[in-house]
N, C-alpha and C. Protein backbone atom coordinates (compact mmCIF):
# COMPACT_ATOMS: atom_id res chain seq x y z
N UNK A 1 120.31 94.93 46.91
CA UNK A 1 120.47 96.11 47.10
C UNK A 1 120.10 96.92 47.43
N UNK A 2 119.03 97.75 48.22
CA UNK A 2 117.67 98.52 48.88
C UNK A 2 118.63 97.79 49.94
N UNK A 3 118.29 96.28 51.04
CA UNK A 3 118.35 96.43 51.40
C UNK A 3 120.15 96.76 52.65
N UNK A 4 120.87 96.60 51.81
CA UNK A 4 122.35 96.87 51.92
C UNK A 4 122.58 98.71 51.97
N UNK A 5 122.20 99.45 51.80
CA UNK A 5 122.27 100.56 51.56
C UNK A 5 121.02 101.00 52.94
N UNK A 6 120.01 100.11 53.15
CA UNK A 6 119.59 100.31 54.46
C UNK A 6 120.49 100.50 56.05
N UNK A 7 120.91 98.90 55.41
CA UNK A 7 121.86 98.86 56.71
C UNK A 7 123.36 99.47 56.94
N UNK A 8 123.82 100.10 55.58
CA UNK A 8 124.28 101.20 56.07
C UNK A 8 124.03 102.02 56.56
N UNK A 9 123.17 102.88 56.52
CA UNK A 9 122.21 104.12 56.87
C UNK A 9 122.26 103.90 57.77
N UNK A 10 121.66 102.80 58.59
CA UNK A 10 121.19 102.37 59.89
C UNK A 10 122.04 102.85 60.61
N UNK A 11 123.69 101.79 60.87
CA UNK A 11 124.79 102.21 61.42
C UNK A 11 125.90 103.26 61.14
N UNK A 12 125.12 104.04 60.21
CA UNK A 12 126.54 105.81 60.31
C UNK A 12 124.83 106.45 60.98
N UNK A 13 123.88 106.19 61.27
CA UNK A 13 122.94 106.59 62.21
C UNK A 13 122.56 106.55 63.54
N UNK A 14 123.83 105.39 63.87
CA UNK A 14 124.03 105.05 65.27
C UNK A 14 125.48 105.92 65.60
N UNK A 15 124.71 106.62 66.77
CA UNK A 15 126.37 107.17 67.11
C UNK A 15 127.24 106.52 68.07
N UNK A 16 127.43 106.69 68.72
CA UNK A 16 128.58 105.38 70.24
C UNK A 16 128.43 106.32 71.51
N UNK A 17 127.71 107.83 71.58
CA UNK A 17 127.33 107.60 72.81
C UNK A 17 128.21 107.25 74.09
N UNK A 18 127.33 107.37 75.28
CA UNK A 18 128.13 106.67 76.28
C UNK A 18 128.07 105.20 75.99
N UNK A 19 129.47 105.26 76.77
CA UNK A 19 129.54 103.34 76.56
C UNK A 19 129.08 102.58 77.84
N UNK A 20 127.74 101.65 77.36
CA UNK A 20 127.47 100.62 78.28
C UNK A 20 127.69 99.49 78.50
N UNK A 21 129.08 99.44 78.48
CA UNK A 21 129.58 97.62 78.60
C UNK A 21 130.78 97.80 78.61
N UNK A 22 131.19 97.25 79.24
CA UNK A 22 132.73 96.48 80.08
C UNK A 22 133.29 96.31 78.18
N UNK A 23 134.32 96.73 78.03
CA UNK A 23 135.84 96.09 76.84
C UNK A 23 135.23 94.63 77.28
N UNK A 24 135.19 93.93 75.72
CA UNK A 24 135.46 92.25 76.22
C UNK A 24 134.29 91.75 76.67
N UNK A 25 133.00 92.08 77.59
CA UNK A 25 132.68 91.43 78.48
C UNK A 25 131.11 92.28 78.36
N UNK A 26 130.15 92.00 76.93
CA UNK A 26 129.61 92.82 76.07
C UNK A 26 128.25 92.30 77.07
N UNK A 27 127.73 91.57 78.45
CA UNK A 27 126.35 91.11 79.41
C UNK A 27 126.39 92.24 80.20
N UNK A 28 127.54 92.88 80.28
CA UNK A 28 127.78 93.64 81.83
C UNK A 28 127.92 95.18 82.12
N UNK A 29 127.06 95.95 81.97
CA UNK A 29 125.96 97.12 80.80
C UNK A 29 126.86 98.25 82.51
N UNK A 30 127.22 99.33 82.12
CA UNK A 30 126.99 100.06 83.18
C UNK A 30 125.99 100.36 83.49
N UNK A 31 124.89 100.79 82.70
CA UNK A 31 123.66 101.31 82.87
C UNK A 31 123.23 100.31 83.94
N UNK A 32 122.32 99.69 84.57
CA UNK A 32 122.13 98.79 85.50
C UNK A 32 122.67 99.17 87.17
N UNK A 33 124.28 98.63 87.08
CA UNK A 33 124.74 98.91 88.66
C UNK A 33 124.35 100.96 88.58
N UNK A 34 124.94 101.44 87.48
CA UNK A 34 124.37 102.82 87.79
C UNK A 34 123.24 103.70 88.46
N UNK A 35 122.16 102.67 87.78
CA UNK A 35 120.65 102.77 87.65
C UNK A 35 120.66 102.34 89.44
N UNK A 36 120.91 101.65 89.81
CA UNK A 36 120.56 101.41 91.00
C UNK A 36 121.80 101.94 92.13
N UNK A 37 122.46 102.35 92.12
CA UNK A 37 123.51 103.09 92.78
C UNK A 37 122.07 104.24 93.39
N UNK A 38 121.79 105.13 91.49
CA UNK A 38 120.78 105.88 92.06
C UNK A 38 120.22 106.29 92.45
N UNK A 39 119.50 104.91 92.78
CA UNK A 39 118.26 104.39 93.04
C UNK A 39 118.65 104.17 95.05
N UNK A 40 119.53 103.38 95.07
CA UNK A 40 119.94 103.07 96.41
C UNK A 40 120.25 104.09 97.44
N UNK A 41 121.43 105.34 96.74
CA UNK A 41 121.83 106.44 97.48
C UNK A 41 121.02 106.78 98.30
N UNK A 42 119.72 107.76 97.43
CA UNK A 42 118.90 108.74 98.26
C UNK A 42 117.96 107.92 99.13
N UNK A 43 117.41 106.74 99.31
CA UNK A 43 116.95 105.75 100.05
C UNK A 43 117.89 105.73 101.00
N UNK A 44 118.87 105.31 101.50
CA UNK A 44 119.76 104.76 101.75
C UNK A 44 120.34 106.03 103.14
N UNK A 45 119.95 107.43 102.36
CA UNK A 45 120.46 108.84 102.89
C UNK A 45 119.39 109.17 103.96
N UNK A 46 118.21 108.55 103.50
CA UNK A 46 117.16 108.88 104.66
C UNK A 46 116.66 108.49 105.32
N UNK A 47 116.75 106.84 105.24
CA UNK A 47 117.03 105.50 105.93
C UNK A 47 118.25 106.51 107.74
N UNK A 48 119.61 106.20 106.54
CA UNK A 48 120.55 106.62 107.69
C UNK A 48 120.55 107.90 108.71
N UNK A 49 120.21 108.83 108.18
CA UNK A 49 120.31 110.36 108.47
C UNK A 49 120.26 110.15 109.76
N UNK A 50 120.24 111.06 110.61
CA UNK A 50 120.25 111.12 112.32
C UNK A 50 119.14 111.65 112.37
N UNK A 51 117.55 111.64 112.38
CA UNK A 51 116.60 112.66 112.87
C UNK A 51 116.81 112.95 114.33
N UNK A 52 116.20 114.10 114.79
CA UNK A 52 115.91 114.13 115.82
C UNK A 52 114.59 113.75 116.81
N UNK A 53 114.63 113.36 117.49
CA UNK A 53 114.00 112.79 118.70
C UNK A 53 112.93 113.17 118.37
N UNK A 54 111.83 112.79 118.62
CA UNK A 54 110.57 113.72 118.18
C UNK A 54 109.82 114.31 116.82
N UNK A 55 110.60 114.17 115.87
CA UNK A 55 110.69 114.62 115.27
C UNK A 55 109.98 114.06 114.09
N UNK A 56 108.49 113.94 112.95
CA UNK A 56 108.31 113.49 112.07
C UNK A 56 108.67 112.54 111.87
N UNK A 57 109.90 112.48 111.06
CA UNK A 57 110.86 111.12 110.46
C UNK A 57 111.72 110.26 111.34
N UNK A 58 111.50 110.29 112.83
CA UNK A 58 111.24 109.98 114.09
C UNK A 58 110.54 109.11 114.43
N UNK A 59 109.77 109.80 114.42
CA UNK A 59 107.73 108.94 114.70
C UNK A 59 107.40 108.08 113.70
N UNK A 60 107.98 109.06 112.46
CA UNK A 60 107.48 107.86 111.32
C UNK A 60 108.30 106.51 111.43
N UNK A 61 109.65 106.31 111.82
CA UNK A 61 110.70 105.36 111.94
C UNK A 61 109.92 105.06 112.95
N UNK A 62 109.97 105.25 113.92
CA UNK A 62 109.14 104.50 115.28
C UNK A 62 108.04 103.73 114.68
N UNK A 63 107.22 104.15 114.03
CA UNK A 63 105.96 103.43 113.86
C UNK A 63 106.38 102.42 112.57
N UNK A 64 107.19 102.78 112.07
CA UNK A 64 107.39 101.57 110.81
C UNK A 64 108.25 100.23 111.84
N UNK A 65 108.63 100.52 112.76
CA UNK A 65 109.75 99.25 113.66
C UNK A 65 107.97 98.83 114.34
N UNK A 66 107.51 99.47 114.48
CA UNK A 66 106.27 98.69 115.48
C UNK A 66 105.32 97.99 114.10
N UNK A 67 105.26 98.69 112.98
CA UNK A 67 104.43 97.06 112.28
C UNK A 67 105.29 96.33 112.18
N UNK A 68 106.72 96.88 111.72
CA UNK A 68 107.06 95.45 111.56
C UNK A 68 107.30 94.45 112.94
N UNK A 69 107.30 94.84 114.35
CA UNK A 69 107.00 93.61 114.62
C UNK A 69 105.62 93.45 115.11
N UNK A 70 105.30 94.05 114.42
CA UNK A 70 103.62 93.24 114.72
C UNK A 70 103.41 92.37 113.12
N UNK A 71 104.17 92.44 112.22
CA UNK A 71 103.89 91.10 111.36
C UNK A 71 105.38 90.11 111.72
N UNK A 72 105.99 90.72 112.70
CA UNK A 72 107.12 89.45 112.57
C UNK A 72 106.27 89.00 113.84
N UNK A 73 105.47 89.18 114.85
CA UNK A 73 105.03 88.46 115.57
C UNK A 73 103.78 87.51 114.72
N UNK A 74 102.99 88.09 113.78
CA UNK A 74 102.09 87.50 113.41
C UNK A 74 103.06 86.12 112.67
N UNK A 75 103.77 85.72 112.36
CA UNK A 75 104.47 84.63 111.60
C UNK A 75 104.62 83.94 112.91
N UNK A 76 105.52 84.77 113.79
CA UNK A 76 106.05 84.24 115.32
C UNK A 76 104.63 83.08 116.31
N UNK A 77 103.95 83.82 116.25
CA UNK A 77 102.49 83.23 116.86
C UNK A 77 101.67 82.01 116.19
N UNK A 78 102.45 81.94 114.79
CA UNK A 78 102.56 79.93 114.12
C UNK A 78 102.85 79.06 115.29
N UNK A 79 103.89 79.32 115.75
CA UNK A 79 104.88 78.06 116.86
C UNK A 79 104.15 78.75 118.29
N UNK A 80 104.10 80.17 118.61
CA UNK A 80 103.83 80.38 119.71
C UNK A 80 103.04 81.24 120.35
N UNK A 81 101.81 80.88 120.53
CA UNK A 81 100.04 81.54 120.43
C UNK A 81 100.38 83.27 122.17
N UNK A 82 101.35 82.42 122.51
CA UNK A 82 101.42 83.65 123.20
C UNK A 82 102.68 85.01 123.62
N UNK A 83 102.50 85.46 121.51
CA UNK A 83 103.09 86.23 121.54
C UNK A 83 102.81 87.29 122.10
N UNK A 84 103.67 88.60 122.93
CA UNK A 84 102.57 89.89 122.37
C UNK A 84 103.70 90.63 121.89
N UNK A 85 103.22 91.85 121.43
CA UNK A 85 104.23 93.39 120.93
C UNK A 85 103.23 94.37 121.59
N UNK A 86 104.29 95.46 121.81
CA UNK A 86 104.28 96.28 122.11
C UNK A 86 104.91 96.83 121.91
N UNK A 87 104.53 98.29 120.98
CA UNK A 87 105.89 99.02 120.02
C UNK A 87 106.67 98.47 119.51
N UNK A 88 107.77 98.13 119.49
CA UNK A 88 108.90 97.50 118.36
C UNK A 88 109.14 96.08 119.34
N UNK A 89 108.80 95.97 120.77
CA UNK A 89 109.41 94.90 121.47
C UNK A 89 108.04 93.90 121.29
N UNK A 90 108.74 92.50 121.35
CA UNK A 90 108.15 91.22 120.97
C UNK A 90 108.71 90.79 122.41
N UNK A 91 107.29 89.71 122.77
CA UNK A 91 107.25 88.99 124.37
C UNK A 91 107.05 88.01 124.27
N UNK A 92 107.99 86.86 124.24
CA UNK A 92 107.05 85.51 124.16
C UNK A 92 107.61 84.94 125.04
N UNK A 93 107.14 83.63 124.58
CA UNK A 93 106.68 82.66 126.07
C UNK A 93 108.25 82.36 126.07
N UNK A 94 109.40 81.72 124.79
CA UNK A 94 110.73 81.34 125.00
C UNK A 94 111.41 82.48 124.90
N UNK A 95 111.13 83.91 124.42
CA UNK A 95 112.36 84.28 124.05
C UNK A 95 111.33 86.11 123.60
N UNK A 96 112.29 86.54 124.12
CA UNK A 96 112.37 88.48 123.58
C UNK A 96 112.72 88.87 123.11
N UNK A 97 112.11 89.86 121.87
CA UNK A 97 113.27 90.46 121.36
C UNK A 97 112.81 91.78 120.73
N UNK A 98 113.46 92.88 120.46
CA UNK A 98 113.28 94.51 120.10
C UNK A 98 113.59 94.86 118.84
N UNK A 99 112.57 95.13 117.94
CA UNK A 99 113.63 95.42 116.47
C UNK A 99 113.43 96.82 116.23
N UNK A 100 114.72 96.95 115.88
CA UNK A 100 115.46 98.69 116.13
C UNK A 100 115.94 99.03 114.93
N UNK A 101 116.20 100.30 114.20
CA UNK A 101 117.02 100.59 113.27
C UNK A 101 118.00 100.00 113.01
N UNK A 102 118.56 99.55 111.96
CA UNK A 102 119.46 99.09 111.31
C UNK A 102 119.64 97.62 111.85
N UNK A 103 118.95 97.00 112.71
CA UNK A 103 118.59 96.41 112.44
C UNK A 103 117.32 95.12 112.01
N UNK A 104 117.24 95.95 111.46
CA UNK A 104 115.77 95.60 110.83
C UNK A 104 116.33 95.31 109.15
N UNK A 105 117.05 94.42 108.78
CA UNK A 105 117.45 94.48 107.48
C UNK A 105 116.88 95.34 106.23
N UNK A 106 116.60 96.33 107.35
CA UNK A 106 116.14 97.27 105.86
C UNK A 106 117.26 97.66 104.34
N UNK A 107 118.69 97.31 104.96
CA UNK A 107 119.48 97.24 103.61
C UNK A 107 119.15 96.55 102.79
N UNK A 108 118.84 95.06 103.35
CA UNK A 108 118.53 94.18 101.69
C UNK A 108 117.46 94.52 101.49
N UNK A 109 116.59 94.99 102.12
CA UNK A 109 114.90 95.45 101.38
C UNK A 109 115.17 96.88 100.14
N UNK A 110 116.49 97.66 100.34
CA UNK A 110 116.75 99.08 99.98
C UNK A 110 117.21 98.35 98.88
N UNK A 111 118.44 97.47 98.17
CA UNK A 111 119.13 96.97 97.78
C UNK A 111 118.04 96.56 97.15
N UNK A 112 117.44 95.65 96.88
CA UNK A 112 116.58 94.94 96.27
C UNK A 112 115.42 95.60 95.67
N UNK A 113 114.73 96.76 96.34
CA UNK A 113 113.61 97.55 95.94
C UNK A 113 114.85 98.20 94.58
N UNK A 114 115.97 98.66 94.84
CA UNK A 114 116.20 99.70 93.69
C UNK A 114 116.78 98.33 92.31
N UNK A 115 117.69 97.28 92.72
CA UNK A 115 117.50 96.44 92.12
C UNK A 115 116.27 96.12 90.70
N UNK A 116 115.33 95.88 91.87
CA UNK A 116 113.97 95.30 91.30
C UNK A 116 113.66 96.77 90.12
N UNK A 117 113.57 97.77 90.83
CA UNK A 117 112.96 98.91 89.92
C UNK A 117 114.16 99.14 88.84
N UNK A 118 115.59 99.55 89.07
CA UNK A 118 116.65 99.37 87.54
C UNK A 118 116.27 98.46 87.25
N UNK A 119 116.06 97.15 87.18
CA UNK A 119 115.62 96.20 86.25
C UNK A 119 113.99 96.21 85.12
N UNK A 120 113.56 97.03 85.91
CA UNK A 120 112.26 97.54 85.13
C UNK A 120 113.08 98.79 84.54
N UNK A 121 113.31 99.62 85.24
CA UNK A 121 113.86 101.23 84.21
C UNK A 121 114.29 100.73 82.70
N UNK A 122 115.43 99.35 83.25
CA UNK A 122 116.12 99.28 82.04
C UNK A 122 116.01 98.43 81.25
N UNK A 123 114.45 98.07 81.73
CA UNK A 123 114.49 96.76 80.39
C UNK A 123 112.97 97.80 79.96
N UNK A 124 112.24 98.16 80.68
CA UNK A 124 110.97 99.51 79.82
C UNK A 124 111.88 100.25 78.59
N UNK A 125 112.96 101.02 78.95
CA UNK A 125 113.99 101.78 78.36
C UNK A 125 114.45 101.16 77.18
N UNK A 126 114.64 99.11 77.54
CA UNK A 126 115.00 98.21 76.21
C UNK A 126 114.91 97.42 75.89
N UNK A 127 112.93 97.07 75.30
CA UNK A 127 112.63 95.72 75.63
C UNK A 127 113.45 94.99 74.92
N UNK A 128 114.19 94.87 73.98
CA UNK A 128 114.87 94.38 73.18
C UNK A 128 115.74 93.02 73.89
């Protein structure tokens, strides 16, 4: 008897609030994509904003691309020992390539980071 009253009280205390699930699809909630969008949108805005040449953000982007080229050359050097890196330019015995903005897979990295962060945030808020 006491458990029935407790269940009824708990049911009455729960308010519907923001709908977080699609009708008929309880596994596809709105919360996760909204968190992903809230994290990814500012990151995309920061990345794609047209910064002035010679500014702090532009030089930071150049440093990022140079570091990216150094990491890529470390992997390439396993197969080609004559790889040379200068800034964002990679020169090898068989080919050369330049790592440039919008051609560095940053979009995938931003989406992956946003998806992982939102999954962790969503789980930490609702660990059930």
